[in-house]
Protein backbone atom coordinates (compact mmCIF):
# COMPACT_ATOMS: atom_id res chain seq x y z
CA LEU A 1 113.78 66.40 130.88
CA ARG A 2 110.43 66.99 132.57
CA LEU A 3 112.04 67.33 136.01
CA ARG A 4 114.41 69.94 134.63
CA GLY A 5 111.56 72.02 133.29
CA TYR A 6 112.05 71.44 129.57
CA ALA A 7 109.06 72.29 127.39
CA GLU A 8 107.04 69.45 125.90
CA LYS A 9 108.15 70.36 122.38
CA THR A 10 111.81 70.13 123.45
CA ARG A 11 111.24 66.84 125.27
CA VAL A 12 109.66 65.28 122.21
CA ALA A 13 112.45 66.55 119.95
CA TYR A 14 115.26 65.31 122.21
CA VAL A 15 113.75 61.85 122.62
CA SER A 16 113.26 61.60 118.84
CA CYS A 17 116.89 62.63 118.22
CA VAL A 18 118.29 60.10 120.69
CA ARG A 19 116.08 57.35 119.27
CA ALA A 20 117.34 58.14 115.75
CA PHE A 21 120.96 58.07 117.01
CA ALA A 22 120.51 54.61 118.55
CA ARG A 23 118.65 53.33 115.50
CA HIS A 24 121.43 54.51 113.20
CA PHE A 25 124.07 52.37 114.96
CA ARG A 26 121.62 49.67 116.12
CA ARG A 27 123.20 49.84 119.56
CA SER A 28 122.45 51.43 122.90
CA PRO A 29 123.89 54.96 123.23
CA ALA A 30 125.55 53.76 126.46
CA ALA A 31 127.79 51.55 124.30
CA LEU A 32 128.68 54.36 121.90
CA GLY A 33 131.29 57.06 122.29
CA GLU A 34 132.78 60.25 120.88
CA ASP A 35 133.68 58.72 117.51
CA GLU A 36 130.11 57.60 116.91
CA VAL A 37 128.69 60.96 117.99
CA ARG A 38 130.93 62.85 115.57
CA ALA A 39 130.28 60.36 112.79
CA TYR A 40 126.51 60.67 113.29
CA LEU A 41 126.50 64.48 113.26
CA THR A 42 128.64 64.42 110.11
CA TYR A 43 126.21 61.93 108.54
CA LEU A 44 123.27 64.24 109.29
CA GLY A 45 124.92 67.16 107.52
CA ASP A 46 126.72 65.46 104.62
CA VAL A 47 124.43 62.55 103.78
CA ARG A 48 120.98 63.40 105.09
CA ARG A 49 121.42 67.11 104.29
CA VAL A 50 119.62 68.01 107.51
CA ARG A 51 119.16 71.75 108.04
CA PRO A 52 121.81 73.36 110.29
CA ALA A 53 119.19 74.36 112.87
CA THR A 54 118.06 70.73 113.12
CA GLN A 55 121.66 69.56 113.47
CA VAL A 56 121.98 71.91 116.46
CA VAL A 57 118.99 70.20 118.11
CA HIS A 58 120.50 66.74 117.55
CA ALA A 59 123.80 67.84 119.10
CA ALA A 60 122.00 69.38 122.09
CA ALA A 61 119.98 66.19 122.61
CA LEU A 62 123.12 64.04 122.61
CA ARG A 63 124.84 66.46 124.96
CA PHE A 64 121.95 66.18 127.41
CA LEU A 65 121.89 62.39 127.04
CA TYR A 66 125.52 61.92 127.98
CA ARG A 67 125.77 64.70 130.54
CA ILE A 68 122.58 64.02 132.51
CA THR A 69 121.06 60.65 131.64
CA LEU A 70 124.21 58.54 131.23
CA HIS A 71 126.38 60.54 133.66
CA GLN A 72 129.26 60.95 131.22
CA PRO A 73 130.05 64.69 131.45
CA GLU A 74 133.47 64.27 129.83
CA LEU A 75 131.90 62.84 126.69
CA ALA A 76 129.12 65.44 126.73
CA ALA A 77 131.73 68.22 126.82
CA ARG A 78 133.27 66.85 123.61
CA VAL A 79 130.01 66.83 121.64
CA PRO A 80 130.61 69.52 118.98
CA ARG A 81 128.78 72.81 119.52
CA LEU A 82 127.41 73.48 116.07
CA ARG A 83 126.85 77.04 115.02
CA ARG A 84 123.23 77.96 114.42
CA PRO A 85 122.83 80.12 111.30
CA GLN A 86 121.70 83.66 112.10
CA THR A 87 118.78 84.31 109.77
CA LEU A 88 116.66 87.43 109.74
CA PRO A 89 112.95 87.03 110.53
CA ALA A 90 110.33 87.45 107.84
CA VAL A 91 108.14 90.45 108.63
CA LEU A 92 104.83 91.58 107.17
CA SER A 93 103.82 95.20 106.82
CA VAL A 94 101.07 96.58 109.04
CA GLU A 95 98.74 96.43 106.04
CA GLU A 96 99.58 92.78 105.36
CA VAL A 97 99.01 91.84 109.00
CA GLY A 98 95.64 93.57 108.87
CA GLN A 99 94.80 91.71 105.67
CA VAL A 100 95.58 88.32 107.21
CA LEU A 101 93.84 88.92 110.52
CA GLY A 102 90.83 90.41 108.75
CA ALA A 103 90.44 87.28 106.61
CA ILE A 104 90.12 84.93 109.61
CA THR A 105 86.46 84.12 110.15
CA ALA A 106 86.63 81.32 112.73
CA PRO A 107 86.17 83.05 116.13
CA LYS A 108 88.70 80.88 117.99
CA TYR A 109 91.47 81.31 115.45
CA ARG A 110 90.75 85.00 115.00
CA ALA A 111 91.09 85.57 118.76
CA LEU A 112 94.17 83.34 118.95
CA PHE A 113 96.10 85.12 116.21
CA LEU A 114 95.02 88.55 117.41
CA THR A 115 96.59 87.53 120.71
CA CYS A 116 99.80 86.36 119.01
CA TYR A 117 100.17 89.69 117.25
CA GLY A 118 98.64 91.94 119.89
CA ALA A 119 100.77 90.58 122.75
CA GLY A 120 103.77 89.19 120.86
CA LEU A 121 103.28 85.65 122.15
CA ARG A 122 104.83 82.46 120.87
CA ILE A 123 102.18 80.10 119.55
CA GLY A 124 102.77 77.66 122.41
CA GLU A 125 102.32 80.47 124.93
CA ALA A 126 99.09 81.63 123.29
CA CYS A 127 97.61 78.12 123.06
CA ALA A 128 98.43 77.49 126.74
CA LEU A 129 96.68 80.64 127.99
CA GLN A 130 94.05 80.07 130.63
CA VAL A 131 91.01 82.22 131.22
CA ALA A 132 92.48 83.39 134.53
CA ASP A 133 95.58 84.70 132.73
CA ILE A 134 93.65 87.62 131.24
CA ASP A 135 93.73 90.40 133.83
CA SER A 136 91.31 93.05 132.58
CA THR A 137 91.71 95.11 135.75
CA ARG A 138 95.45 95.63 135.41
CA MET A 139 95.33 95.20 131.60
CA LEU A 140 97.95 92.46 131.64
CA VAL A 141 98.34 88.96 130.21
CA HIS A 142 100.05 86.40 132.43
CA VAL A 143 102.31 84.15 130.36
CA ARG A 144 102.81 81.11 132.58
CA TRP A 145 104.55 78.78 130.16
CA GLY A 146 107.24 80.89 128.53
CA LYS A 147 110.35 79.50 126.88
CA GLY A 148 112.59 77.78 129.41
CA GLY A 149 109.78 77.76 131.97
CA HIS A 150 110.03 81.52 132.57
CA GLU A 151 106.89 83.45 133.45
CA ARG A 152 106.26 87.06 132.46
CA TYR A 153 103.51 89.65 132.13
CA VAL A 154 102.76 91.45 128.87
CA THR A 155 100.45 94.36 128.19
CA LEU A 156 96.84 93.76 127.22
CA SER A 157 95.64 96.32 124.71
CA PRO A 158 92.02 97.52 124.96
CA ARG A 159 91.38 96.37 121.42
CA LEU A 160 92.64 92.87 122.16
CA LEU A 161 90.53 92.74 125.32
CA THR A 162 87.46 93.65 123.27
CA ALA A 163 88.27 90.91 120.75
CA LEU A 164 88.74 88.32 123.51
CA ARG A 165 85.45 89.29 125.13
CA THR A 166 83.68 88.94 121.78
CA TYR A 167 85.21 85.49 121.34
CA TRP A 168 84.25 84.53 124.90
CA ARG A 169 80.63 85.49 124.39
CA HIS A 170 80.49 83.49 121.17
CA ALA A 171 82.39 80.35 122.22
CA HIS A 172 81.99 80.08 126.00
CA PRO A 173 85.01 77.73 126.18
CA ARG A 174 84.65 75.08 128.85
CA GLY A 175 87.56 74.06 131.00
CA PRO A 176 90.56 76.14 132.06
CA TYR A 177 91.99 76.94 128.62
CA LEU A 178 91.08 80.07 126.73
CA PHE A 179 91.64 78.24 123.43
CA PRO A 180 90.75 74.58 124.10
CA GLY A 181 91.53 71.77 121.71
CA ALA A 182 89.45 68.74 120.84
CA THR A 183 88.61 68.30 124.53
CA PRO A 184 88.16 71.08 127.10
CA ASP A 185 90.99 69.79 129.30
CA ARG A 186 93.60 70.16 126.54
CA PRO A 187 94.79 73.34 124.80
CA LEU A 188 94.58 73.85 121.05
CA SER A 189 97.50 72.16 119.31
CA ARG A 190 100.21 74.19 117.62
CA ASP A 191 99.89 72.13 114.46
CA ALA A 192 96.21 73.00 114.11
CA ALA A 193 97.03 76.69 114.56
CA GLN A 194 99.85 76.50 112.00
CA ARG A 195 97.59 74.91 109.40
CA ALA A 196 94.81 77.43 109.95
CA LEU A 197 97.09 80.45 109.53
CA ARG A 198 98.88 78.99 106.52
CA HIS A 199 95.51 78.43 104.83
CA VAL A 200 94.39 82.01 105.47
CA ALA A 201 97.68 83.51 104.26
CA ALA A 202 97.42 81.51 101.03
CA GLN A 203 93.87 82.77 100.50
CA CYS A 204 95.14 86.34 100.92
CA GLY A 205 97.73 85.80 98.21
CA ILE A 206 100.66 86.70 100.46
CA GLU A 207 103.81 85.12 99.05
CA LYS A 208 105.91 85.52 102.18
CA ARG A 209 106.08 82.57 104.57
CA VAL A 210 103.48 83.27 107.24
CA THR A 211 103.44 81.34 110.52
CA PRO A 212 102.18 82.23 113.99
CA HIS A 213 105.78 83.14 114.85
CA THR A 214 105.73 85.61 111.96
CA LEU A 215 103.06 87.54 113.87
CA ARG A 216 105.42 87.69 116.87
CA HIS A 217 108.17 89.05 114.62
CA CYS A 218 105.72 91.63 113.28
CA PHE A 219 104.74 92.67 116.81
CA ALA A 220 108.38 93.34 117.71
CA THR A 221 109.24 95.13 114.47
CA HIS A 222 106.14 97.32 114.48
CA LEU A 223 106.77 98.24 118.14
CA LEU A 224 110.32 99.24 117.26
CA GLU A 225 109.11 101.35 114.36
CA ALA A 226 106.62 103.04 116.69
CA GLY A 227 109.49 104.16 118.94
CA ALA A 228 109.50 101.51 121.69
CA GLU A 229 112.81 100.91 123.48
CA LEU A 230 114.69 97.70 122.77
CA ARG A 231 114.74 96.79 126.49
CA THR A 232 110.96 97.09 126.63
CA ILE A 233 110.57 94.88 123.57
CA GLN A 234 113.01 92.38 125.07
CA HIS A 235 110.85 92.08 128.20
CA LEU A 236 107.60 91.77 126.26
CA LEU A 237 109.03 89.02 124.07
CA GLY A 238 110.62 87.19 126.98
CA HIS A 239 114.12 87.23 125.44
CA ARG A 240 116.85 86.33 127.91
CA SER A 241 119.47 88.14 125.82
CA ILE A 242 119.17 91.57 124.21
CA ARG A 243 121.02 90.11 121.21
CA SER A 244 117.88 88.21 120.27
CA THR A 245 115.97 91.50 120.20
CA VAL A 246 118.55 93.60 118.38
CA ARG A 247 118.05 91.65 115.17
CA TYR A 248 114.72 93.42 114.63
CA THR A 249 116.68 96.61 113.92
CA PHE A 250 118.01 94.82 110.82
CA VAL A 251 114.56 94.29 109.29
CA SER A 252 112.81 97.50 110.32
CA ARG A 253 112.42 99.72 107.27
CA LYS A 254 111.92 102.85 109.38
CA VAL A 255 115.08 102.18 111.40
CA LEU A 256 117.10 101.64 108.22
CA ASP A 257 115.61 104.74 106.60
CA ARG A 258 116.96 106.87 109.46
CA VAL A 259 120.52 105.94 108.49
CA GLN A 260 122.42 108.70 106.65
CA ARG A 261 123.74 107.15 103.46
CA PRO A 262 127.37 108.19 102.81
CA LEU A 263 126.96 108.26 99.04
CA ASP A 264 123.94 110.58 99.29
CA ALA A 265 125.98 112.95 101.49
CA LEU A 266 128.42 113.51 98.63
CA LEU A 267 125.69 115.31 96.70
CA GLY A 268 127.23 116.27 93.36
CA ARG A 269 130.84 116.04 94.45
CA CYS A 270 131.47 112.71 92.74
CA ASP A 271 129.95 113.68 89.39
CA PRO A 272 132.36 113.41 86.45
CA PRO A 273 133.61 116.68 84.98
CA PRO A 274 131.60 118.03 82.04
CA ALA A 275 132.78 116.83 78.65
């Protein structure tokens, strides 16, 4: 997995899925076959009631195991390709984003989440940023560890640069990482970031589910509402397919408000005749 450039989060998930598969049958996966794979995936859905998205990860892990590790491509090809449910992202209004970000008092977390929203980064990308990735001359942020190992550049807004400089003067982080964790040679963990944002959102009384990825969704939706082109948003988010970006048109209130409603176009033509 590491040699093929899989992210650490994916590596951990795949190993955990394969370990659970072997534990379920109490046998080595090398001694198991298609019947066991199908039975296990059915067990996850019908007995364990595992979420569909998690079932997709288990199937992908088993497909990798048999195709690459165990050199059984024929079996890997017969691992069912489960359909991932297409859910719409939760999006906060501009006012709600401002409320959440304004309530963060810890300098590191304030700078981190301003970066997530201001540059549209995934939380893993933001935590992995190094000091050298902030190019104040060209006003760009270098995302080295994007999804799938893909690098990209995103715009650095003047306001975000000011916030990062304020954080830098206050924290003076040692080591290469802009947002170091418990030790300077390790980045801040995603779990710590998740907990911090969840705590702030609860304090603000926001009932919607708020995660660092929510800020990324907000970045994309607010850009779209401001008139940015979908292709531009696709590049900034690092989406390989435009289909991943198009879904933001389904949650943008301004985009939906521009639609001419057929019933409204009838005016008074469908009113019943006077009694």
